[in-house]
């Protein structure tokens, strides 16, 4: 006679277990980079912090850089969901300057937040020497964010607030790139006043003549 399985004994859910392990690994990678810096962060250290074997990490990611990239992207998605910003778009209130200043002020807050600063600096630096990681960092994180600016500038263009001959993809660099340079290379402080000024200067050149 075949014994039937006990109804109240749940079968282990491998998917749920994998999700828990991934989250633990993500959290461990982000915490270690913030605490000891990227060079001292190791796969062994991440595994120990997450309570998994390092073979588990290598089964899912080829390197610590790939772990950190996925962890950083996941953190950003969770933050957006928690803030109710899914999918996020730059507000269109009809006042382009105010909308750009608001989103750049939020960017300043994020860049100065230690939870975001340490992993984003590490990924930006590693992307310079690891071409594949650099391409993924740009494609998965930077380009989607830049497209939000493109969409908002095109909306302003359609409303007559920006010259029709302006290329929005180039125009956004007038305020995004200086902020990125200051932050990455420590060439000066970043603040609301600084990004507000960038917007004022940029829009002065983009406005219809």
N, C-alpha and C. Protein backbone atom coordinates (compact mmCIF):
# COMPACT_ATOMS: atom_id res chain seq x y z
N UNK A 1 0.83 -1.18 0.00
CA UNK A 1 0.00 0.00 0.00
C UNK A 1 0.88 1.25 0.00
N UNK A 2 0.56 2.21 -0.89
CA UNK A 2 1.34 3.44 -1.00
C UNK A 2 0.89 4.43 0.05
N UNK A 3 1.83 4.94 0.78
CA UNK A 3 1.50 5.91 1.81
C UNK A 3 1.32 7.28 1.19
N UNK A 4 0.20 7.92 1.44
CA UNK A 4 -0.06 9.25 0.91
C UNK A 4 0.68 10.29 1.72
N UNK A 5 1.14 11.37 1.05
CA UNK A 5 1.83 12.43 1.77
C UNK A 5 0.91 13.12 2.76
N UNK A 6 1.47 13.54 3.87
CA UNK A 6 0.68 14.25 4.87
C UNK A 6 0.28 15.61 4.33
N UNK A 7 -1.00 15.94 4.31
CA UNK A 7 -1.48 17.18 3.70
C UNK A 7 -0.89 18.43 4.32
N UNK A 8 -0.63 18.43 5.63
CA UNK A 8 -0.20 19.67 6.27
C UNK A 8 1.32 19.84 6.24
N UNK A 9 2.04 18.97 5.56
CA UNK A 9 3.49 19.09 5.45
C UNK A 9 3.83 19.77 4.13
N UNK A 10 4.25 21.00 4.20
CA UNK A 10 4.50 21.79 2.99
C UNK A 10 5.76 21.32 2.28
N UNK A 11 5.69 21.29 0.97
CA UNK A 11 6.86 20.98 0.16
C UNK A 11 7.76 22.21 0.10
N UNK A 12 9.06 22.06 0.32
CA UNK A 12 9.96 23.22 0.28
C UNK A 12 9.84 23.95 -1.06
N UNK A 13 9.76 25.26 -0.99
CA UNK A 13 9.62 26.10 -2.18
C UNK A 13 11.01 26.58 -2.58
N UNK A 14 11.59 25.96 -3.62
CA UNK A 14 12.95 26.30 -4.04
C UNK A 14 13.02 27.73 -4.55
N UNK A 15 11.96 28.19 -5.21
CA UNK A 15 11.96 29.55 -5.74
C UNK A 15 12.02 30.57 -4.61
N UNK A 16 11.19 30.33 -3.58
CA UNK A 16 11.19 31.25 -2.45
C UNK A 16 12.53 31.23 -1.73
N UNK A 17 13.12 30.03 -1.61
CA UNK A 17 14.42 29.93 -0.96
C UNK A 17 15.47 30.68 -1.76
N UNK A 18 15.42 30.57 -3.09
CA UNK A 18 16.38 31.27 -3.95
C UNK A 18 16.21 32.77 -3.83
N UNK A 19 14.96 33.23 -3.77
CA UNK A 19 14.70 34.67 -3.63
C UNK A 19 15.27 35.20 -2.32
N UNK A 20 15.09 34.42 -1.24
CA UNK A 20 15.63 34.84 0.05
C UNK A 20 17.15 34.91 0.00
N UNK A 21 17.77 33.92 -0.65
CA UNK A 21 19.22 33.89 -0.74
C UNK A 21 19.73 35.07 -1.57
N UNK A 22 19.06 35.34 -2.68
CA UNK A 22 19.46 36.48 -3.53
C UNK A 22 19.37 37.79 -2.76
N UNK A 23 18.28 37.97 -2.04
CA UNK A 23 18.11 39.20 -1.28
C UNK A 23 19.19 39.33 -0.21
N UNK A 24 19.51 38.22 0.45
CA UNK A 24 20.55 38.24 1.47
C UNK A 24 21.91 38.58 0.85
N UNK A 25 22.17 38.05 -0.33
CA UNK A 25 23.43 38.33 -1.02
C UNK A 25 23.48 39.79 -1.47
N UNK A 26 22.37 40.28 -2.01
CA UNK A 26 22.30 41.69 -2.40
C UNK A 26 22.60 42.59 -1.21
N UNK A 27 21.91 42.34 -0.10
CA UNK A 27 22.07 43.18 1.09
C UNK A 27 23.50 43.11 1.61
N UNK A 28 24.09 41.91 1.57
CA UNK A 28 25.46 41.74 2.06
C UNK A 28 26.44 42.51 1.19
N UNK A 29 26.27 42.45 -0.11
CA UNK A 29 27.18 43.15 -1.03
C UNK A 29 27.10 44.65 -0.81
N UNK A 30 25.91 45.19 -0.71
CA UNK A 30 25.74 46.63 -0.51
C UNK A 30 26.31 47.08 0.83
N UNK A 31 26.09 46.28 1.87
CA UNK A 31 26.58 46.63 3.20
C UNK A 31 28.11 46.62 3.24
N UNK A 32 28.72 45.60 2.65
CA UNK A 32 30.18 45.49 2.68
C UNK A 32 30.85 46.61 1.90
N UNK A 33 30.31 46.94 0.74
CA UNK A 33 30.90 48.03 -0.05
C UNK A 33 30.85 49.33 0.73
N UNK A 34 29.76 49.56 1.44
CA UNK A 34 29.63 50.78 2.24
C UNK A 34 30.59 50.77 3.43
N UNK A 35 30.82 49.59 4.01
CA UNK A 35 31.63 49.50 5.22
C UNK A 35 33.13 49.46 4.96
N UNK A 36 33.55 48.66 3.98
CA UNK A 36 35.00 48.46 3.77
C UNK A 36 35.49 48.95 2.42
N UNK A 37 34.58 49.37 1.54
CA UNK A 37 35.00 49.81 0.21
C UNK A 37 35.00 48.67 -0.79
N UNK A 38 34.95 49.03 -2.05
CA UNK A 38 34.87 48.01 -3.09
C UNK A 38 36.12 47.12 -3.16
N UNK A 39 37.35 47.69 -3.12
CA UNK A 39 38.53 46.82 -3.25
C UNK A 39 38.61 45.73 -2.20
N UNK A 40 38.13 46.01 -0.98
CA UNK A 40 38.22 45.02 0.10
C UNK A 40 37.01 44.10 0.16
N UNK A 41 36.00 44.38 -0.65
CA UNK A 41 34.84 43.50 -0.70
C UNK A 41 35.17 42.29 -1.56
N UNK A 42 34.91 41.10 -1.06
CA UNK A 42 35.22 39.87 -1.78
C UNK A 42 33.98 39.00 -1.86
N UNK A 43 34.01 38.05 -2.80
CA UNK A 43 32.91 37.09 -2.90
C UNK A 43 32.81 36.28 -1.61
N UNK A 44 33.97 35.92 -1.04
CA UNK A 44 33.98 35.17 0.20
C UNK A 44 33.32 35.98 1.33
N UNK A 45 33.63 37.27 1.36
CA UNK A 45 33.05 38.12 2.39
C UNK A 45 31.55 38.28 2.22
N UNK A 46 31.12 38.43 0.98
CA UNK A 46 29.68 38.54 0.70
C UNK A 46 28.97 37.26 1.12
N UNK A 47 29.56 36.12 0.76
CA UNK A 47 28.95 34.83 1.09
C UNK A 47 28.83 34.65 2.60
N UNK A 48 29.89 35.00 3.33
CA UNK A 48 29.87 34.85 4.78
C UNK A 48 28.82 35.76 5.40
N UNK A 49 28.74 36.98 4.90
CA UNK A 49 27.77 37.96 5.44
C UNK A 49 26.34 37.50 5.15
N UNK A 50 26.14 36.90 3.96
CA UNK A 50 24.79 36.47 3.57
C UNK A 50 24.42 35.11 4.13
N UNK A 51 25.39 34.39 4.67
CA UNK A 51 25.10 33.07 5.21
C UNK A 51 24.91 32.01 4.14
N UNK A 52 25.63 32.15 3.02
CA UNK A 52 25.56 31.17 1.93
C UNK A 52 26.98 30.74 1.57
N UNK A 53 27.09 29.68 0.80
CA UNK A 53 28.38 29.25 0.31
C UNK A 53 28.79 30.10 -0.90
N UNK A 54 30.09 30.31 -1.09
CA UNK A 54 30.50 31.14 -2.22
C UNK A 54 30.15 30.49 -3.55
N UNK A 55 30.00 29.16 -3.56
CA UNK A 55 29.60 28.49 -4.80
C UNK A 55 28.20 28.91 -5.22
N UNK A 56 27.37 29.28 -4.23
CA UNK A 56 26.03 29.78 -4.55
C UNK A 56 26.12 31.08 -5.32
N UNK A 57 27.03 31.95 -4.91
CA UNK A 57 27.22 33.23 -5.61
C UNK A 57 27.74 33.00 -7.02
N UNK A 58 28.74 32.15 -7.15
CA UNK A 58 29.32 31.91 -8.47
C UNK A 58 28.35 31.17 -9.40
N UNK A 59 27.35 30.53 -8.84
CA UNK A 59 26.35 29.87 -9.67
C UNK A 59 25.46 30.91 -10.36
N UNK A 60 25.29 32.06 -9.72
CA UNK A 60 24.40 33.10 -10.25
C UNK A 60 25.13 34.28 -10.88
N UNK A 61 26.35 34.57 -10.42
CA UNK A 61 27.08 35.74 -10.92
C UNK A 61 28.54 35.39 -11.17
N UNK A 62 29.14 35.92 -12.23
CA UNK A 62 30.54 35.60 -12.52
C UNK A 62 31.55 36.35 -11.66
N UNK A 63 31.14 37.46 -11.02
CA UNK A 63 32.09 38.25 -10.25
C UNK A 63 31.37 39.09 -9.20
N UNK A 64 32.14 39.66 -8.29
CA UNK A 64 31.54 40.52 -7.26
C UNK A 64 30.95 41.77 -7.91
N UNK A 65 31.52 42.24 -9.02
CA UNK A 65 30.99 43.42 -9.70
C UNK A 65 29.57 43.16 -10.19
N UNK A 66 29.35 41.96 -10.72
CA UNK A 66 28.02 41.61 -11.21
C UNK A 66 27.01 41.49 -10.06
N UNK A 67 27.48 40.97 -8.92
CA UNK A 67 26.61 40.91 -7.74
C UNK A 67 26.19 42.32 -7.35
N UNK A 68 27.17 43.22 -7.29
CA UNK A 68 26.90 44.57 -6.85
C UNK A 68 25.98 45.32 -7.81
N UNK A 69 26.18 45.11 -9.12
CA UNK A 69 25.32 45.78 -10.09
C UNK A 69 23.87 45.35 -9.92
N UNK A 70 23.63 44.04 -9.80
CA UNK A 70 22.26 43.56 -9.64
C UNK A 70 21.68 44.04 -8.31
N UNK A 71 22.50 44.04 -7.27
CA UNK A 71 22.03 44.49 -5.96
C UNK A 71 21.65 45.97 -6.01
N UNK A 72 22.45 46.75 -6.69
CA UNK A 72 22.19 48.19 -6.78
C UNK A 72 20.92 48.47 -7.58
N UNK A 73 20.75 47.76 -8.69
CA UNK A 73 19.54 47.93 -9.49
C UNK A 73 18.30 47.52 -8.69
N UNK A 74 18.42 46.41 -7.96
CA UNK A 74 17.30 45.94 -7.15
C UNK A 74 16.96 46.95 -6.06
N UNK A 75 17.99 47.55 -5.45
CA UNK A 75 17.75 48.55 -4.41
C UNK A 75 17.01 49.75 -4.98
N UNK A 76 17.40 50.19 -6.18
CA UNK A 76 16.73 51.31 -6.81
C UNK A 76 15.28 51.01 -7.13
N UNK A 77 15.02 49.80 -7.60
CA UNK A 77 13.64 49.41 -7.92
C UNK A 77 12.78 49.35 -6.66
N UNK A 78 13.36 48.82 -5.59
CA UNK A 78 12.61 48.74 -4.34
C UNK A 78 12.31 50.14 -3.79
N UNK A 79 13.30 51.03 -3.89
CA UNK A 79 13.10 52.40 -3.40
C UNK A 79 12.01 53.10 -4.19
N UNK A 80 11.99 52.87 -5.50
CA UNK A 80 10.97 53.49 -6.35
C UNK A 80 9.58 52.96 -5.99
N UNK A 81 9.49 51.64 -5.77
CA UNK A 81 8.21 51.05 -5.40
C UNK A 81 7.72 51.59 -4.05
N UNK A 82 8.65 51.67 -3.09
CA UNK A 82 8.28 52.15 -1.76
C UNK A 82 7.79 53.60 -1.80
N UNK A 83 8.36 54.38 -2.74
CA UNK A 83 7.97 55.78 -2.86
C UNK A 83 6.77 55.97 -3.77
N UNK A 84 6.27 54.87 -4.32
CA UNK A 84 5.12 54.96 -5.21
C UNK A 84 5.46 55.52 -6.56
N UNK A 85 6.71 55.37 -6.99
CA UNK A 85 7.17 55.93 -8.25
C UNK A 85 7.39 54.85 -9.31
N UNK A 86 6.44 53.99 -9.52
CA UNK A 86 6.61 52.92 -10.50
C UNK A 86 5.45 52.92 -11.48
N UNK A 87 5.67 53.19 -12.76
CA UNK A 87 6.93 53.65 -13.34
C UNK A 87 7.12 55.14 -13.09
N UNK A 88 8.38 55.56 -12.94
CA UNK A 88 8.66 56.96 -12.63
C UNK A 88 8.79 57.78 -13.90
N UNK A 89 8.25 58.98 -13.85
CA UNK A 89 8.42 59.95 -14.92
C UNK A 89 8.71 61.30 -14.29
N UNK A 90 9.52 62.11 -14.97
CA UNK A 90 9.74 63.47 -14.47
C UNK A 90 8.42 64.22 -14.59
N UNK A 91 7.97 64.86 -13.52
CA UNK A 91 6.69 65.57 -13.57
C UNK A 91 6.63 66.60 -14.70
N UNK A 92 5.46 66.77 -15.25
CA UNK A 92 5.25 67.79 -16.28
C UNK A 92 4.16 68.73 -15.76
N UNK A 93 4.59 69.76 -15.04
CA UNK A 93 3.65 70.73 -14.48
C UNK A 93 3.39 71.89 -15.42
N UNK A 94 4.12 71.90 -16.55
CA UNK A 94 4.04 73.03 -17.45
C UNK A 94 5.15 74.03 -17.21
N UNK A 95 5.89 73.85 -16.11
CA UNK A 95 7.03 74.72 -15.78
C UNK A 95 8.29 73.86 -15.85
N UNK A 96 8.97 73.90 -16.99
CA UNK A 96 10.12 73.03 -17.21
C UNK A 96 11.21 73.27 -16.19
N UNK A 97 11.52 74.54 -15.91
CA UNK A 97 12.59 74.84 -14.96
C UNK A 97 12.28 74.24 -13.59
N UNK A 98 11.06 74.41 -13.13
CA UNK A 98 10.69 73.88 -11.81
C UNK A 98 10.76 72.36 -11.79
N UNK A 99 10.32 71.72 -12.87
CA UNK A 99 10.33 70.25 -12.93
C UNK A 99 11.76 69.72 -12.92
N UNK A 100 12.64 70.33 -13.70
CA UNK A 100 14.03 69.88 -13.75
C UNK A 100 14.73 70.13 -12.42
N UNK A 101 14.47 71.28 -11.82
CA UNK A 101 15.10 71.57 -10.53
C UNK A 101 14.66 70.57 -9.47
N UNK A 102 13.39 70.19 -9.50
CA UNK A 102 12.88 69.24 -8.51
C UNK A 102 13.55 67.88 -8.65
N UNK A 103 13.67 67.39 -9.88
CA UNK A 103 14.25 66.06 -10.07
C UNK A 103 15.76 66.08 -9.80
N UNK A 104 16.43 67.18 -10.11
CA UNK A 104 17.86 67.26 -9.83
C UNK A 104 18.13 67.40 -8.33
N UNK A 105 17.24 68.08 -7.62
CA UNK A 105 17.38 68.14 -6.16
C UNK A 105 17.24 66.73 -5.57
N UNK A 106 16.30 65.96 -6.09
CA UNK A 106 16.14 64.58 -5.62
C UNK A 106 17.39 63.76 -5.95
N UNK A 107 18.01 64.05 -7.10
CA UNK A 107 19.24 63.36 -7.48
C UNK A 107 20.37 63.71 -6.52
N UNK A 108 20.46 64.98 -6.14
CA UNK A 108 21.48 65.38 -5.16
C UNK A 108 21.29 64.60 -3.86
N UNK A 109 20.04 64.50 -3.39
CA UNK A 109 19.77 63.74 -2.16
C UNK A 109 20.26 62.30 -2.29
N UNK A 110 20.00 61.70 -3.45
CA UNK A 110 20.40 60.31 -3.66
C UNK A 110 21.91 60.17 -3.72
N UNK A 111 22.58 61.08 -4.43
CA UNK A 111 24.03 60.99 -4.56
C UNK A 111 24.74 61.18 -3.23
N UNK A 112 24.12 61.91 -2.31
CA UNK A 112 24.72 62.14 -1.00
C UNK A 112 24.28 61.12 0.05
N UNK A 113 23.40 60.21 -0.34
CA UNK A 113 22.93 59.16 0.57
C UNK A 113 23.96 58.03 0.58
N UNK A 114 24.58 57.73 1.72
CA UNK A 114 25.61 56.69 1.77
C UNK A 114 25.17 55.35 1.21
N UNK A 115 23.87 55.02 1.33
CA UNK A 115 23.39 53.74 0.81
C UNK A 115 23.55 53.66 -0.70
N UNK A 116 23.41 54.80 -1.38
CA UNK A 116 23.54 54.83 -2.83
C UNK A 116 24.95 55.22 -3.27
N UNK A 117 25.58 56.10 -2.50
CA UNK A 117 26.86 56.65 -2.94
C UNK A 117 27.95 55.60 -3.08
N UNK A 118 28.13 54.77 -2.06
CA UNK A 118 29.22 53.80 -2.09
C UNK A 118 29.10 52.82 -3.25
N UNK A 119 27.95 52.14 -3.44
CA UNK A 119 27.87 51.20 -4.57
C UNK A 119 27.89 51.88 -5.93
N UNK A 120 27.29 53.06 -6.05
CA UNK A 120 27.28 53.71 -7.36
C UNK A 120 28.68 54.20 -7.74
N UNK A 121 29.44 54.70 -6.77
CA UNK A 121 30.83 55.09 -7.06
C UNK A 121 31.65 53.85 -7.46
N UNK A 122 31.46 52.76 -6.73
CA UNK A 122 32.20 51.54 -7.02
C UNK A 122 31.90 51.04 -8.43
N UNK A 123 30.63 51.05 -8.81
CA UNK A 123 30.24 50.56 -10.13
C UNK A 123 30.75 51.49 -11.23
N UNK A 124 30.70 52.80 -10.99
CA UNK A 124 31.19 53.74 -11.98
C UNK A 124 32.69 53.55 -12.21
N UNK A 125 33.43 53.36 -11.12
CA UNK A 125 34.88 53.16 -11.24
C UNK A 125 35.21 51.83 -11.90
N UNK A 126 34.54 50.76 -11.48
CA UNK A 126 34.81 49.45 -12.05
C UNK A 126 34.42 49.41 -13.52
N UNK A 127 33.39 50.15 -13.89
CA UNK A 127 32.95 50.17 -15.28
C UNK A 127 33.97 50.76 -16.23
N UNK A 128 34.90 51.55 -15.71
CA UNK A 128 35.94 52.14 -16.56
C UNK A 128 36.97 51.10 -16.99
N UNK A 129 37.19 50.08 -16.16
CA UNK A 129 38.20 49.07 -16.48
C UNK A 129 37.58 47.74 -16.90
N UNK A 130 36.30 47.57 -16.59
CA UNK A 130 35.58 46.36 -16.96
C UNK A 130 34.54 46.76 -18.00
N UNK A 131 34.89 46.62 -19.27
CA UNK A 131 34.04 47.15 -20.34
C UNK A 131 32.65 46.54 -20.34
N UNK A 132 32.55 45.24 -20.12
CA UNK A 132 31.24 44.59 -20.13
C UNK A 132 30.36 45.12 -19.01
N UNK A 133 30.94 45.24 -17.81
CA UNK A 133 30.17 45.77 -16.70
C UNK A 133 29.78 47.21 -16.98
N UNK A 134 30.70 47.99 -17.55
CA UNK A 134 30.41 49.38 -17.87
C UNK A 134 29.24 49.50 -18.82
N UNK A 135 29.19 48.64 -19.82
CA UNK A 135 28.10 48.68 -20.78
C UNK A 135 26.76 48.33 -20.10
N UNK A 136 26.80 47.34 -19.22
CA UNK A 136 25.58 46.95 -18.51
C UNK A 136 25.12 48.06 -17.57
N UNK A 137 26.07 48.71 -16.90
CA UNK A 137 25.76 49.80 -15.98
C UNK A 137 25.05 50.93 -16.73
N UNK A 138 25.57 51.25 -17.90
CA UNK A 138 24.98 52.32 -18.72
C UNK A 138 23.61 51.90 -19.24
N UNK A 139 23.53 50.69 -19.80
CA UNK A 139 22.30 50.23 -20.43
C UNK A 139 21.16 50.03 -19.42
N UNK A 140 21.49 49.46 -18.26
CA UNK A 140 20.45 49.09 -17.30
C UNK A 140 20.09 50.21 -16.33
N UNK A 141 21.05 51.11 -16.07
CA UNK A 141 20.79 52.14 -15.07
C UNK A 141 20.77 53.54 -15.65
N UNK A 142 21.85 53.93 -16.33
CA UNK A 142 21.97 55.32 -16.76
C UNK A 142 21.03 55.68 -17.91
N UNK A 143 20.99 54.87 -18.95
CA UNK A 143 20.17 55.23 -20.12
C UNK A 143 18.69 55.34 -19.79
N UNK A 144 18.10 54.42 -19.01
CA UNK A 144 16.69 54.61 -18.66
C UNK A 144 16.44 55.92 -17.93
N UNK A 145 17.38 56.33 -17.08
CA UNK A 145 17.22 57.59 -16.36
C UNK A 145 17.35 58.78 -17.31
N UNK A 146 18.30 58.71 -18.22
CA UNK A 146 18.49 59.80 -19.17
C UNK A 146 17.29 59.93 -20.10
N UNK A 147 16.66 58.81 -20.41
CA UNK A 147 15.50 58.84 -21.30
C UNK A 147 14.36 59.64 -20.66
N UNK A 148 14.28 59.65 -19.34
CA UNK A 148 13.25 60.42 -18.65
C UNK A 148 13.43 61.92 -18.94
N UNK A 149 14.70 62.36 -18.97
CA UNK A 149 14.97 63.76 -19.31
C UNK A 149 14.63 64.04 -20.77
N UNK A 150 14.97 63.10 -21.64
CA UNK A 150 14.64 63.26 -23.05
C UNK A 150 13.13 63.45 -23.22
N UNK A 151 12.35 62.61 -22.57
CA UNK A 151 10.90 62.68 -22.68
C UNK A 151 10.37 64.03 -22.18
N UNK A 152 10.91 64.50 -21.06
CA UNK A 152 10.43 65.79 -20.51
C UNK A 152 10.84 66.95 -21.40
N UNK A 153 12.04 66.92 -21.95
CA UNK A 153 12.48 68.00 -22.83
C UNK A 153 11.70 68.00 -24.14
N UNK A 154 11.36 66.84 -24.64
CA UNK A 154 10.55 66.77 -25.86
C UNK A 154 9.16 67.33 -25.61
N UNK A 155 8.62 67.06 -24.42
CA UNK A 155 7.32 67.61 -24.07
C UNK A 155 7.38 69.14 -24.07
N UNK A 156 8.46 69.68 -23.50
CA UNK A 156 8.63 71.14 -23.47
C UNK A 156 8.81 71.68 -24.89
N UNK A 157 9.49 70.91 -25.72
CA UNK A 157 9.70 71.31 -27.11
C UNK A 157 8.36 71.39 -27.85
N UNK A 158 7.52 70.39 -27.63
CA UNK A 158 6.21 70.37 -28.26
C UNK A 158 5.35 71.55 -27.81
N UNK A 159 5.59 71.99 -26.56
CA UNK A 159 4.81 73.11 -26.02
C UNK A 159 5.40 74.46 -26.39
N UNK A 160 6.53 74.45 -27.13
CA UNK A 160 7.13 75.70 -27.56
C UNK A 160 8.10 76.32 -26.57
N UNK A 161 8.43 75.58 -25.51
CA UNK A 161 9.33 76.12 -24.50
C UNK A 161 10.80 75.95 -24.81
N UNK A 162 11.10 75.11 -25.80
CA UNK A 162 12.48 74.87 -26.23
C UNK A 162 12.53 74.96 -27.74
N UNK A 163 13.64 75.48 -28.24
CA UNK A 163 13.79 75.63 -29.69
C UNK A 163 13.58 74.29 -30.40
N UNK A 164 12.94 74.27 -31.55
CA UNK A 164 12.67 73.02 -32.26
C UNK A 164 13.92 72.35 -32.81
N UNK A 165 15.01 73.09 -32.96
CA UNK A 165 16.24 72.51 -33.52
C UNK A 165 17.10 71.85 -32.45
N UNK A 166 16.70 71.92 -31.20
CA UNK A 166 17.49 71.36 -30.10
C UNK A 166 17.33 69.84 -30.06
N UNK A 167 18.45 69.14 -29.89
CA UNK A 167 18.43 67.68 -29.70
C UNK A 167 18.33 67.42 -28.20
N UNK A 168 17.21 66.89 -27.72
CA UNK A 168 17.04 66.69 -26.27
C UNK A 168 18.10 65.80 -25.64
N UNK A 169 18.59 64.82 -26.40
CA UNK A 169 19.58 63.89 -25.83
C UNK A 169 20.90 64.61 -25.56
N UNK A 170 21.22 65.61 -26.38
CA UNK A 170 22.43 66.41 -26.12
C UNK A 170 22.14 67.48 -25.08
N UNK A 171 20.96 68.08 -25.16
CA UNK A 171 20.61 69.17 -24.25
C UNK A 171 20.63 68.74 -22.79
N UNK A 172 20.21 67.53 -22.50
CA UNK A 172 20.17 67.09 -21.10
C UNK A 172 21.55 67.06 -20.47
N UNK A 173 22.58 66.92 -21.29
CA UNK A 173 23.93 66.86 -20.77
C UNK A 173 24.40 68.20 -20.22
N UNK A 174 23.69 69.28 -20.56
CA UNK A 174 24.06 70.60 -20.06
C UNK A 174 23.90 70.69 -18.55
N UNK A 175 22.99 69.91 -17.98
CA UNK A 175 22.85 69.95 -16.52
C UNK A 175 23.17 68.62 -15.85
N UNK A 176 23.00 67.50 -16.55
CA UNK A 176 23.30 66.20 -15.95
C UNK A 176 24.80 65.95 -15.87
N UNK A 177 25.51 66.22 -16.94
CA UNK A 177 26.95 65.91 -16.98
C UNK A 177 27.78 66.72 -15.98
N UNK A 178 27.55 68.04 -15.84
CA UNK A 178 28.33 68.77 -14.83
C UNK A 178 28.11 68.24 -13.42
N UNK A 179 26.87 67.85 -13.11
CA UNK A 179 26.59 67.28 -11.79
C UNK A 179 27.34 65.98 -11.60
N UNK A 180 27.32 65.12 -12.61
CA UNK A 180 28.03 63.84 -12.53
C UNK A 180 29.52 64.04 -12.36
N UNK A 181 30.08 65.02 -13.08
CA UNK A 181 31.52 65.27 -12.97
C UNK A 181 31.90 65.74 -11.58
N UNK A 182 31.13 66.67 -11.04
CA UNK A 182 31.43 67.16 -9.69
C UNK A 182 31.38 66.03 -8.68
N UNK A 183 30.37 65.19 -8.82
CA UNK A 183 30.19 64.11 -7.86
C UNK A 183 31.29 63.05 -7.99
N UNK A 184 31.60 62.67 -9.22
CA UNK A 184 32.57 61.61 -9.43
C UNK A 184 34.00 62.06 -9.12
N UNK A 185 34.34 63.27 -9.51
CA UNK A 185 35.73 63.72 -9.40
C UNK A 185 35.96 64.69 -8.25
N UNK A 186 34.95 64.96 -7.47
CA UNK A 186 35.08 65.86 -6.32
C UNK A 186 35.64 67.22 -6.72
N UNK A 187 35.19 67.73 -7.88
CA UNK A 187 35.70 69.03 -8.35
C UNK A 187 35.01 70.19 -7.66
N UNK A 188 33.97 69.92 -6.90
CA UNK A 188 33.25 70.96 -6.18
C UNK A 188 32.08 70.35 -5.45
N UNK A 189 31.48 71.10 -4.53
CA UNK A 189 30.34 70.56 -3.78
C UNK A 189 29.10 70.47 -4.66
N UNK A 190 28.23 69.52 -4.33
CA UNK A 190 26.95 69.44 -5.02
C UNK A 190 25.86 69.82 -4.04
N UNK A 191 24.92 70.62 -4.52
CA UNK A 191 23.88 71.15 -3.65
C UNK A 191 22.68 71.54 -4.49
N UNK A 192 21.57 71.87 -3.82
CA UNK A 192 20.39 72.34 -4.53
C UNK A 192 20.72 73.62 -5.30
N UNK A 193 21.47 74.52 -4.66
CA UNK A 193 21.80 75.79 -5.32
C UNK A 193 22.59 75.54 -6.60
N UNK A 194 23.48 74.57 -6.55
CA UNK A 194 24.29 74.27 -7.73
C UNK A 194 23.43 73.74 -8.87
N UNK A 195 22.57 72.76 -8.59
CA UNK A 195 21.75 72.18 -9.67
C UNK A 195 20.69 73.17 -10.16
N UNK A 196 20.16 74.02 -9.28
CA UNK A 196 19.23 75.06 -9.72
C UNK A 196 19.92 75.99 -10.71
N UNK A 197 21.17 76.32 -10.42
CA UNK A 197 21.92 77.21 -11.30
C UNK A 197 22.19 76.55 -12.65
N UNK A 198 22.52 75.25 -12.63
CA UNK A 198 22.73 74.53 -13.87
C UNK A 198 21.50 74.61 -14.77
N UNK A 199 20.32 74.41 -14.18
CA UNK A 199 19.08 74.47 -14.95
C UNK A 199 18.88 75.87 -15.53
N UNK A 200 19.09 76.89 -14.72
CA UNK A 200 18.91 78.27 -15.20
C UNK A 200 19.86 78.57 -16.36
N UNK A 201 21.11 78.18 -16.23
CA UNK A 201 22.07 78.43 -17.30
C UNK A 201 21.71 77.66 -18.56
N UNK A 202 21.34 76.38 -18.38
CA UNK A 202 21.05 75.55 -19.54
C UNK A 202 19.82 76.05 -20.28
N UNK A 203 18.77 76.35 -19.55
CA UNK A 203 17.53 76.77 -20.21
C UNK A 203 17.68 78.13 -20.88
N UNK A 204 18.64 78.92 -20.38
CA UNK A 204 18.90 80.19 -21.05
C UNK A 204 19.39 79.98 -22.48
N UNK A 205 20.10 78.91 -22.69
CA UNK A 205 20.59 78.61 -24.05
C UNK A 205 19.63 77.82 -24.89
N UNK A 206 18.65 77.17 -24.26
CA UNK A 206 17.72 76.31 -24.99
C UNK A 206 16.43 77.03 -25.36
N UNK A 207 16.16 78.16 -24.72
CA UNK A 207 14.89 78.85 -24.95
C UNK A 207 14.79 79.39 -26.37
N UNK A 208 13.56 79.51 -26.88
CA UNK A 208 13.37 80.09 -28.21
C UNK A 208 13.94 81.51 -28.29
N UNK A 209 14.48 81.85 -29.43
CA UNK A 209 15.08 83.18 -29.61
C UNK A 209 14.12 84.10 -30.32
